[in-house]
Protein backbone atom coordinates (compact mmCIF):
# COMPACT_ATOMS: atom_id res chain seq x y z
CA MET A 1 34.23 4.20 -59.62
CA ALA A 2 32.89 6.36 -56.81
CA GLY A 3 29.67 6.04 -54.87
CA ALA A 4 27.22 8.88 -54.25
CA THR A 5 29.45 10.30 -51.51
CA GLY A 6 32.47 10.43 -53.85
CA THR A 7 34.17 7.60 -51.96
CA PRO A 8 35.67 4.97 -54.31
CA VAL A 9 33.54 1.83 -54.44
CA PHE A 10 36.50 -0.39 -55.35
CA SER A 11 40.21 -0.11 -55.91
CA ALA A 12 42.63 -2.27 -57.88
CA THR A 13 46.38 -2.77 -57.83
CA GLY A 14 48.53 -4.83 -60.15
CA ALA A 15 51.80 -6.66 -59.67
CA TRP A 16 53.83 -9.53 -61.01
CA ARG A 17 53.52 -12.73 -58.98
CA ASP A 18 57.23 -13.60 -58.90
CA ALA A 19 59.05 -11.12 -61.13
CA PRO A 20 58.29 -9.21 -64.31
CA PRO A 21 58.68 -11.25 -67.47
CA PHE A 22 62.18 -11.15 -68.90
CA PRO A 23 62.51 -10.69 -72.68
CA GLY A 24 61.07 -13.80 -74.32
CA GLY A 25 59.82 -15.10 -70.95
CA ASP A 26 56.58 -15.51 -69.04
CA ALA A 27 55.22 -14.17 -65.77
CA THR A 28 51.90 -14.11 -63.95
CA ALA A 29 50.13 -10.77 -63.67
CA VAL A 30 48.04 -10.41 -60.50
CA VAL A 31 45.33 -7.81 -60.03
CA ARG A 32 44.02 -7.42 -56.48
CA VAL A 33 40.59 -5.78 -56.25
CA THR A 34 39.15 -4.49 -52.98
CA VAL A 35 35.42 -3.75 -52.89
CA GLN A 36 34.15 -1.45 -50.14
CA PRO A 37 31.77 -2.98 -47.55
CA GLY A 38 28.13 -2.89 -48.62
CA TRP A 39 29.05 -2.94 -52.32
CA HIS A 40 29.25 -5.78 -54.87
CA LEU A 41 30.83 -6.10 -58.31
CA GLN A 42 29.13 -8.15 -60.97
CA SER A 43 31.05 -11.36 -61.63
CA ASN A 44 33.20 -11.84 -64.71
CA VAL A 45 30.32 -14.10 -65.85
CA PRO A 46 27.11 -12.39 -64.68
CA LEU A 47 23.98 -14.53 -64.61
CA ASP A 48 21.99 -11.74 -66.31
CA PRO A 49 23.37 -10.92 -69.78
CA SER A 50 22.28 -7.27 -69.40
CA LEU A 51 24.80 -6.76 -66.54
CA ILE A 52 28.37 -5.64 -67.15
CA PRO A 53 30.99 -8.29 -66.30
CA THR A 54 34.11 -7.52 -64.29
CA GLN A 55 37.02 -7.39 -66.76
CA VAL A 56 40.75 -6.78 -66.66
CA ARG A 57 42.55 -5.48 -69.73
CA LEU A 58 46.28 -5.01 -70.18
CA ASP A 59 47.87 -2.54 -72.58
CA LEU A 60 50.58 -4.87 -73.88
CA PRO A 61 53.50 -3.82 -76.08
CA SER A 62 53.80 -5.17 -79.60
CA GLY A 63 54.73 -8.85 -79.62
CA TRP A 64 53.48 -9.49 -76.08
CA SER A 65 50.42 -11.64 -75.32
CA ALA A 66 48.35 -12.73 -72.35
CA GLU A 67 46.29 -15.80 -71.59
CA PRO A 68 42.67 -15.32 -70.48
CA TRP A 69 42.18 -13.89 -66.99
CA GLN A 70 41.37 -16.34 -64.22
CA PHE A 71 38.91 -15.10 -61.59
CA PRO A 72 37.93 -16.65 -58.27
CA ALA A 73 34.53 -18.24 -57.77
CA HIS A 74 31.79 -15.67 -57.45
CA ARG A 75 29.09 -15.66 -54.79
CA ILE A 76 25.45 -16.17 -55.72
CA THR A 77 23.19 -13.77 -53.83
CA ARG A 78 19.80 -12.12 -53.99
CA LEU A 79 19.60 -8.35 -53.67
CA PRO A 80 16.45 -6.27 -53.12
CA PHE A 81 16.54 -4.67 -56.58
CA SER A 82 16.60 -7.98 -58.50
CA ASP A 83 14.07 -10.79 -58.70
CA GLU A 84 16.78 -13.13 -59.94
CA PRO A 85 19.97 -14.25 -58.14
CA LEU A 86 23.17 -12.40 -59.02
CA ALA A 87 26.78 -13.59 -59.30
CA VAL A 88 28.96 -11.08 -57.46
CA PHE A 89 32.41 -10.41 -56.06
CA GLU A 90 32.76 -8.84 -52.62
CA GLY A 91 35.61 -7.97 -50.27
CA THR A 92 39.06 -8.56 -51.72
CA PHE A 93 39.78 -10.91 -54.59
CA GLU A 94 42.53 -11.56 -57.13
CA ALA A 95 42.47 -12.20 -60.86
CA THR A 96 45.52 -13.65 -62.62
CA ALA A 97 46.78 -14.03 -66.17
CA ARG A 98 49.95 -15.50 -67.63
CA VAL A 99 51.78 -12.90 -69.74
CA HIS A 100 54.29 -13.74 -72.47
CA ALA A 101 56.91 -11.07 -73.23
CA ALA A 102 58.34 -10.57 -76.69
CA ALA A 103 61.95 -11.57 -77.26
CA ASN A 104 64.39 -8.71 -76.76
CA SER A 105 61.69 -6.55 -75.19
CA SER A 106 60.97 -5.24 -71.73
CA ALA A 107 58.34 -2.60 -71.05
CA LEU A 108 56.01 -0.97 -68.58
CA VAL A 109 52.63 -2.71 -68.70
CA ARG A 110 49.49 -0.81 -67.80
CA GLY A 111 46.01 -2.15 -67.30
CA VAL A 112 42.47 -1.30 -66.35
CA VAL A 113 39.73 -2.99 -64.34
CA GLU A 114 36.18 -2.41 -65.49
CA ALA A 115 33.27 -3.48 -63.32
CA GLN A 116 29.63 -2.76 -62.60
CA ALA A 117 29.15 -2.03 -58.93
CA CYS A 118 25.92 -2.04 -56.97
CA ASN A 119 24.83 -1.86 -53.37
CA ASP A 120 21.72 -3.12 -51.64
């Protein structure tokens, strides 16, 4: 996502914590998200149900599966545009998920981070 100036508001990179999962094995996927100063991403569990939660999705090959993503604690803050407190992520944070590879299968795994960004 880009702000009004065209500068990206946040970036995300993915990696395996120790090593990619071997066929029939497990590994931890790590997504590191960096939010530009002055911007916030809605938490993965926003306090307002009308807000879009931060989510990570993996495009897994057939037979592969992933456990639910684990996110860090969000920060509760008040911003000028909201009368209610908001749960946000700022700075750099990581989300992790345990991935189970199918037996006799190795593959390139792609993913996407979706988030609703806002500034003050």
